[in-house]
Amino acid sequence: MKTVLLTIAIIAVCVVLLGVKVLFVKGARFPSGYVHDNVALRRKGISCASGHGQRPTDRKITKNTIH
């Protein structure tokens, strides 16, 4: 039983620590998980396979595009 309570406590602490900015800074949000919102991936020319967030005419073929 001690192991279960310890595990729950550790998970709770981790969740709070991961959300410190979101929980305590007014107007803060969790970062987007979408590929098109990631600046580093856009610089490399990597885009979402489904084209989420893009019009079909905005898509461009790059060396990383899978056909």
N, C-alpha and C. Protein backbone atom coordinates (compact mmCIF):
# COMPACT_ATOMS: atom_id res chain seq x y z
N MET A 1 0.83 -1.20 0.00
CA MET A 1 0.00 0.00 0.00
C MET A 1 0.87 1.25 0.00
N LYS A 2 2.02 1.19 0.71
CA LYS A 2 2.92 2.33 0.73
C LYS A 2 3.44 2.65 -0.66
N THR A 3 3.69 1.60 -1.44
CA THR A 3 4.22 1.79 -2.80
C THR A 3 3.20 2.51 -3.68
N VAL A 4 1.95 2.14 -3.55
CA VAL A 4 0.89 2.78 -4.34
C VAL A 4 0.76 4.25 -3.96
N LEU A 5 0.75 4.55 -2.69
CA LEU A 5 0.65 5.95 -2.25
C LEU A 5 1.86 6.76 -2.67
N LEU A 6 3.04 6.16 -2.57
CA LEU A 6 4.25 6.85 -3.01
C LEU A 6 4.21 7.12 -4.51
N THR A 7 3.75 6.16 -5.28
CA THR A 7 3.64 6.33 -6.73
C THR A 7 2.66 7.44 -7.07
N ILE A 8 1.52 7.46 -6.43
CA ILE A 8 0.52 8.51 -6.66
C ILE A 8 1.09 9.88 -6.30
N ALA A 9 1.81 9.96 -5.20
CA ALA A 9 2.42 11.23 -4.78
C ALA A 9 3.46 11.70 -5.79
N ILE A 10 4.27 10.80 -6.29
CA ILE A 10 5.31 11.16 -7.27
C ILE A 10 4.66 11.64 -8.56
N ILE A 11 3.63 10.96 -9.01
CA ILE A 11 2.93 11.37 -10.24
C ILE A 11 2.27 12.74 -10.05
N ALA A 12 1.69 12.97 -8.89
CA ALA A 12 1.06 14.26 -8.62
C ALA A 12 2.09 15.39 -8.63
N VAL A 13 3.23 15.16 -8.02
CA VAL A 13 4.30 16.17 -8.02
C VAL A 13 4.77 16.44 -9.44
N CYS A 14 4.92 15.39 -10.24
CA CYS A 14 5.37 15.55 -11.63
C CYS A 14 4.37 16.36 -12.44
N VAL A 15 3.09 16.09 -12.28
CA VAL A 15 2.06 16.83 -13.01
C VAL A 15 2.09 18.31 -12.62
N VAL A 16 2.23 18.58 -11.35
CA VAL A 16 2.30 19.98 -10.90
C VAL A 16 3.54 20.66 -11.45
N LEU A 17 4.68 19.98 -11.41
CA LEU A 17 5.92 20.58 -11.92
C LEU A 17 5.86 20.81 -13.43
N LEU A 18 5.24 19.90 -14.17
CA LEU A 18 5.10 20.09 -15.62
C LEU A 18 4.17 21.25 -15.96
N GLY A 19 3.22 21.53 -15.09
CA GLY A 19 2.26 22.58 -15.36
C GLY A 19 2.48 23.85 -14.58
N VAL A 20 3.66 24.06 -14.00
CA VAL A 20 3.92 25.25 -13.17
C VAL A 20 3.60 26.52 -13.93
N LYS A 21 4.11 26.66 -15.14
CA LYS A 21 3.88 27.87 -15.91
C LYS A 21 2.40 28.05 -16.21
N VAL A 22 1.74 26.97 -16.61
CA VAL A 22 0.33 27.05 -16.97
C VAL A 22 -0.53 27.34 -15.74
N LEU A 23 -0.16 26.74 -14.62
CA LEU A 23 -0.97 26.91 -13.42
C LEU A 23 -0.78 28.26 -12.74
N PHE A 24 0.42 28.82 -12.82
CA PHE A 24 0.72 30.01 -12.03
C PHE A 24 0.95 31.29 -12.82
N VAL A 25 1.03 31.22 -14.15
CA VAL A 25 1.22 32.42 -14.96
C VAL A 25 -0.11 32.71 -15.65
N LYS A 26 -0.60 33.91 -15.46
CA LYS A 26 -1.90 34.27 -16.03
C LYS A 26 -1.80 34.31 -17.55
N GLY A 27 -2.72 33.63 -18.21
CA GLY A 27 -2.76 33.63 -19.68
C GLY A 27 -1.84 32.62 -20.33
N ALA A 28 -1.10 31.84 -19.55
CA ALA A 28 -0.19 30.86 -20.12
C ALA A 28 -0.97 29.63 -20.59
N ARG A 29 -0.45 28.96 -21.63
CA ARG A 29 -1.10 27.77 -22.16
C ARG A 29 -0.04 26.70 -22.41
N PHE A 30 -0.49 25.45 -22.46
CA PHE A 30 0.42 24.38 -22.84
C PHE A 30 0.80 24.57 -24.30
N PRO A 31 2.03 24.21 -24.67
CA PRO A 31 2.44 24.37 -26.07
C PRO A 31 1.63 23.44 -26.98
N SER A 32 1.48 23.88 -28.21
CA SER A 32 0.73 23.09 -29.19
C SER A 32 1.52 21.84 -29.57
N GLY A 33 0.84 20.76 -29.80
CA GLY A 33 1.48 19.52 -30.20
C GLY A 33 1.44 19.30 -31.70
N TYR A 34 0.90 20.25 -32.43
CA TYR A 34 0.79 20.11 -33.88
C TYR A 34 2.11 20.43 -34.57
N VAL A 35 2.39 19.71 -35.64
CA VAL A 35 3.63 19.89 -36.38
C VAL A 35 3.69 21.29 -36.99
N HIS A 36 2.58 21.79 -37.52
CA HIS A 36 2.61 23.09 -38.19
C HIS A 36 2.84 24.25 -37.22
N ASP A 37 2.73 24.02 -35.93
CA ASP A 37 2.99 25.07 -34.95
C ASP A 37 4.44 25.05 -34.44
N ASN A 38 5.21 24.06 -34.85
CA ASN A 38 6.59 23.91 -34.38
C ASN A 38 7.54 24.62 -35.33
N VAL A 39 8.18 25.68 -34.86
CA VAL A 39 9.06 26.51 -35.69
C VAL A 39 10.25 25.71 -36.21
N ALA A 40 10.85 24.89 -35.37
CA ALA A 40 12.03 24.12 -35.78
C ALA A 40 11.71 23.16 -36.92
N LEU A 41 10.55 22.53 -36.86
CA LEU A 41 10.16 21.61 -37.93
C LEU A 41 9.84 22.36 -39.22
N ARG A 42 9.23 23.54 -39.08
CA ARG A 42 8.94 24.34 -40.28
C ARG A 42 10.22 24.77 -40.97
N ARG A 43 11.24 25.14 -40.20
CA ARG A 43 12.54 25.54 -40.79
C ARG A 43 13.16 24.40 -41.59
N LYS A 44 12.94 23.18 -41.13
CA LYS A 44 13.49 22.01 -41.83
C LYS A 44 12.61 21.58 -43.00
N GLY A 45 11.46 22.20 -43.15
CA GLY A 45 10.56 21.87 -44.24
C GLY A 45 9.70 20.64 -43.97
N ILE A 46 9.62 20.23 -42.71
CA ILE A 46 8.82 19.07 -42.35
C ILE A 46 7.40 19.52 -42.07
N SER A 47 6.44 18.83 -42.66
CA SER A 47 5.04 19.19 -42.43
C SER A 47 4.25 17.95 -42.07
N CYS A 48 3.05 18.18 -41.62
CA CYS A 48 2.16 17.10 -41.21
C CYS A 48 1.74 16.29 -42.43
N ALA A 49 1.71 14.99 -42.30
CA ALA A 49 1.35 14.13 -43.42
C ALA A 49 -0.08 14.36 -43.86
N SER A 50 -0.96 14.71 -42.94
CA SER A 50 -2.36 14.94 -43.31
C SER A 50 -2.60 16.36 -43.78
N GLY A 51 -1.60 17.22 -43.65
CA GLY A 51 -1.74 18.61 -44.07
C GLY A 51 -2.62 19.42 -43.14
N HIS A 52 -2.72 18.99 -41.88
CA HIS A 52 -3.56 19.69 -40.91
C HIS A 52 -3.13 21.15 -40.80
N GLY A 53 -4.09 22.04 -40.90
CA GLY A 53 -3.80 23.46 -40.74
C GLY A 53 -3.33 24.13 -42.01
N GLN A 54 -3.35 23.42 -43.12
CA GLN A 54 -2.90 23.99 -44.38
C GLN A 54 -3.96 23.78 -45.44
N ARG A 55 -4.00 24.71 -46.37
CA ARG A 55 -4.83 24.51 -47.56
C ARG A 55 -4.03 23.64 -48.52
N PRO A 56 -4.69 22.85 -49.34
CA PRO A 56 -3.96 21.99 -50.29
C PRO A 56 -3.02 22.77 -51.20
N THR A 57 -3.38 24.02 -51.52
CA THR A 57 -2.53 24.82 -52.41
C THR A 57 -1.29 25.34 -51.70
N ASP A 58 -1.28 25.33 -50.36
CA ASP A 58 -0.13 25.82 -49.60
C ASP A 58 0.96 24.77 -49.42
N ARG A 59 0.60 23.51 -49.65
CA ARG A 59 1.57 22.44 -49.46
C ARG A 59 2.62 22.48 -50.54
N LYS A 60 3.84 22.21 -50.17
CA LYS A 60 4.90 22.15 -51.16
C LYS A 60 5.63 20.82 -51.02
N ILE A 61 6.13 20.33 -52.09
CA ILE A 61 6.85 19.07 -52.10
C ILE A 61 8.30 19.36 -51.68
N THR A 62 8.76 18.66 -50.65
CA THR A 62 10.13 18.80 -50.19
C THR A 62 10.78 17.44 -50.21
N LYS A 63 12.07 17.40 -49.93
CA LYS A 63 12.76 16.12 -49.91
C LYS A 63 12.26 15.23 -48.78
N ASN A 64 11.58 15.81 -47.78
CA ASN A 64 11.06 15.03 -46.65
C ASN A 64 9.62 14.58 -46.88
N THR A 65 9.03 14.95 -48.00
CA THR A 65 7.66 14.58 -48.27
C THR A 65 7.58 13.11 -48.66
N ILE A 66 6.66 12.40 -48.04
CA ILE A 66 6.47 10.99 -48.34
C ILE A 66 5.29 10.86 -49.30
N HIS A 67 5.48 10.14 -50.37
CA HIS A 67 4.41 9.96 -51.36
C HIS A 67 3.68 8.68 -51.11
